[in-house]
Amino acid sequence: MKRTDILTYGEQPCKFRLRSGKEVFGVIWETMKQDTVVHYFASAVERMRYKKAEANNDVETCKNLITEVNIDEIVSAEPLN
């Protein structure tokens, strides 16, 4: 998927289908990391925990809750709401 497609589903729980055929459920969002746009994935529950940890400046917990993803590996997304 393209970045503009991913932004449509950003911050909302979705079912994502990967090129490998695997389906994953969770949330994707983007952030800037050293002048580069980076996309992260986490389950919806982990994303909520991440936000709380981020608000508390708990860097170690934040690192443990997310996975950096290559959006080129995502072929489709379907909102769960």
C-alpha atoms as a PDB file:
ATOM      1  CA  MET A   1       0.000   0.000   0.000  1.00  0.00           C
ATOM      2  CA  LYS A   2       1.039   3.582  -0.485  1.00  0.00           C
ATOM      3  CA  ARG A   3       1.618   5.971   2.380  1.00  0.00           C
ATOM      4  CA  THR A   4      -1.530   7.919   1.472  1.00  0.00           C
ATOM      5  CA  ASP A   5      -3.551   4.677   1.701  1.00  0.00           C
ATOM      6  CA  ILE A   6      -2.077   3.835   5.099  1.00  0.00           C
ATOM      7  CA  LEU A   7      -2.915   7.319   6.409  1.00  0.00           C
ATOM      8  CA  THR A   8      -6.577   6.548   5.716  1.00  0.00           C
ATOM      9  CA  TYR A   9      -6.373   3.732   8.277  1.00  0.00           C
ATOM     10  CA  GLY A  10      -3.939   5.382  10.670  1.00  0.00           C
ATOM     11  CA  GLU A  11      -4.720   5.101  14.363  1.00  0.00           C
ATOM     12  CA  GLN A  12      -7.697   2.794  13.895  1.00  0.00           C
ATOM     13  CA  PRO A  13      -7.826  -0.962  14.513  1.00  0.00           C
ATOM     14  CA  CYS A  14      -7.662  -2.867  11.230  1.00  0.00           C
ATOM     15  CA  LYS A  15      -7.050  -6.255   9.711  1.00  0.00           C
ATOM     16  CA  PHE A  16      -3.973  -5.988   7.505  1.00  0.00           C
ATOM     17  CA  ARG A  17      -3.083  -8.545   4.849  1.00  0.00           C
ATOM     18  CA  LEU A  18       0.628  -8.869   4.117  1.00  0.00           C
ATOM     19  CA  ARG A  19       2.356  -9.934   0.905  1.00  0.00           C
ATOM     20  CA  SER A  20       3.207 -13.234   2.575  1.00  0.00           C
ATOM     21  CA  GLY A  21      -0.531 -13.931   2.912  1.00  0.00           C
ATOM     22  CA  LYS A  22      -0.438 -13.484   6.681  1.00  0.00           C
ATOM     23  CA  GLU A  23      -3.182 -11.420   8.320  1.00  0.00           C
ATOM     24  CA  VAL A  24      -2.440  -9.268  11.354  1.00  0.00           C
ATOM     25  CA  PHE A  25      -4.776  -7.229  13.511  1.00  0.00           C
ATOM     26  CA  GLY A  26      -3.781  -3.929  15.060  1.00  0.00           C
ATOM     27  CA  VAL A  27      -2.985  -0.284  14.511  1.00  0.00           C
ATOM     28  CA  ILE A  28      -0.454   1.415  12.238  1.00  0.00           C
ATOM     29  CA  TRP A  29       0.786   4.954  12.726  1.00  0.00           C
ATOM     30  CA  GLU A  30       3.664   7.039  11.518  1.00  0.00           C
ATOM     31  CA  THR A  31       6.188   9.311  13.123  1.00  0.00           C
ATOM     32  CA  MET A  32       9.348  11.146  12.180  1.00  0.00           C
ATOM     33  CA  LYS A  33      12.685   9.578  13.054  1.00  0.00           C
ATOM     34  CA  GLN A  34      15.752  11.584  12.054  1.00  0.00           C
ATOM     35  CA  ASP A  35      14.026  13.340   9.113  1.00  0.00           C
ATOM     36  CA  THR A  36      12.518  10.053   7.865  1.00  0.00           C
ATOM     37  CA  VAL A  37       8.899   8.913   8.088  1.00  0.00           C
ATOM     38  CA  VAL A  38       8.710   5.638  10.021  1.00  0.00           C
ATOM     39  CA  HIS A  39       5.644   3.391  10.396  1.00  0.00           C
ATOM     40  CA  TYR A  40       4.919   1.380  13.509  1.00  0.00           C
ATOM     41  CA  PHE A  41       2.512  -1.451  14.252  1.00  0.00           C
ATOM     42  CA  ALA A  42       1.018  -2.660  17.529  1.00  0.00           C
ATOM     43  CA  SER A  43      -2.139  -4.389  18.654  1.00  0.00           C
ATOM     44  CA  ALA A  44      -4.896  -1.983  19.674  1.00  0.00           C
ATOM     45  CA  VAL A  45      -4.284  -2.736  23.368  1.00  0.00           C
ATOM     46  CA  GLU A  46      -0.528  -2.295  22.989  1.00  0.00           C
ATOM     47  CA  ARG A  47      -1.111   1.020  21.219  1.00  0.00           C
ATOM     48  CA  MET A  48      -3.132   2.291  24.193  1.00  0.00           C
ATOM     49  CA  ARG A  49      -0.389   1.126  26.580  1.00  0.00           C
ATOM     50  CA  TYR A  50       2.198   2.782  24.322  1.00  0.00           C
ATOM     51  CA  LYS A  51       0.379   6.125  24.518  1.00  0.00           C
ATOM     52  CA  LYS A  52       0.295   5.938  28.317  1.00  0.00           C
ATOM     53  CA  ALA A  53       3.977   5.000  28.494  1.00  0.00           C
ATOM     54  CA  GLU A  54       4.833   7.802  26.068  1.00  0.00           C
ATOM     55  CA  ALA A  55       2.958  10.326  28.225  1.00  0.00           C
ATOM     56  CA  ASN A  56       4.983   9.092  31.221  1.00  0.00           C
ATOM     57  CA  ASN A  57       8.277   9.226  29.263  1.00  0.00           C
ATOM     58  CA  ASP A  58       8.728   5.480  29.787  1.00  0.00           C
ATOM     59  CA  VAL A  59      11.027   4.904  26.800  1.00  0.00           C
ATOM     60  CA  GLU A  60      11.795   1.258  27.600  1.00  0.00           C
ATOM     61  CA  THR A  61       8.120   0.254  27.684  1.00  0.00           C
ATOM     62  CA  CYS A  62       7.505   2.150  24.441  1.00  0.00           C
ATOM     63  CA  LYS A  63      10.297   0.227  22.694  1.00  0.00           C
ATOM     64  CA  ASN A  64       8.851  -3.099  23.845  1.00  0.00           C
ATOM     65  CA  LEU A  65       5.321  -2.405  22.616  1.00  0.00           C
ATOM     66  CA  ILE A  66       5.892  -1.487  18.964  1.00  0.00           C
ATOM     67  CA  THR A  67       7.280  -2.969  15.785  1.00  0.00           C
ATOM     68  CA  GLU A  68       8.620  -0.917  12.897  1.00  0.00           C
ATOM     69  CA  VAL A  69       6.937  -1.961   9.642  1.00  0.00           C
ATOM     70  CA  ASN A  70       7.589  -1.552   5.946  1.00  0.00           C
ATOM     71  CA  ILE A  71       4.260  -0.447   4.492  1.00  0.00           C
ATOM     72  CA  ASP A  72       5.254  -1.884   1.109  1.00  0.00           C
ATOM     73  CA  GLU A  73       4.602  -5.326   2.648  1.00  0.00           C
ATOM     74  CA  ILE A  74       0.928  -4.456   3.297  1.00  0.00           C
ATOM     75  CA  VAL A  75      -1.398  -5.303   0.422  1.00  0.00           C
ATOM     76  CA  SER A  76      -4.770  -4.458   2.001  1.00  0.00           C
ATOM     77  CA  ALA A  77      -6.416  -3.064   5.103  1.00  0.00           C
ATOM     78  CA  GLU A  78      -9.897  -3.477   6.478  1.00  0.00           C
ATOM     79  CA  PRO A  79     -11.165  -1.398   9.425  1.00  0.00           C
ATOM     80  CA  LEU A  80     -12.517  -3.417  12.340  1.00  0.00           C
ATOM     81  CA  ASN A  81     -14.912  -0.714  13.572  1.00  0.00           C
END
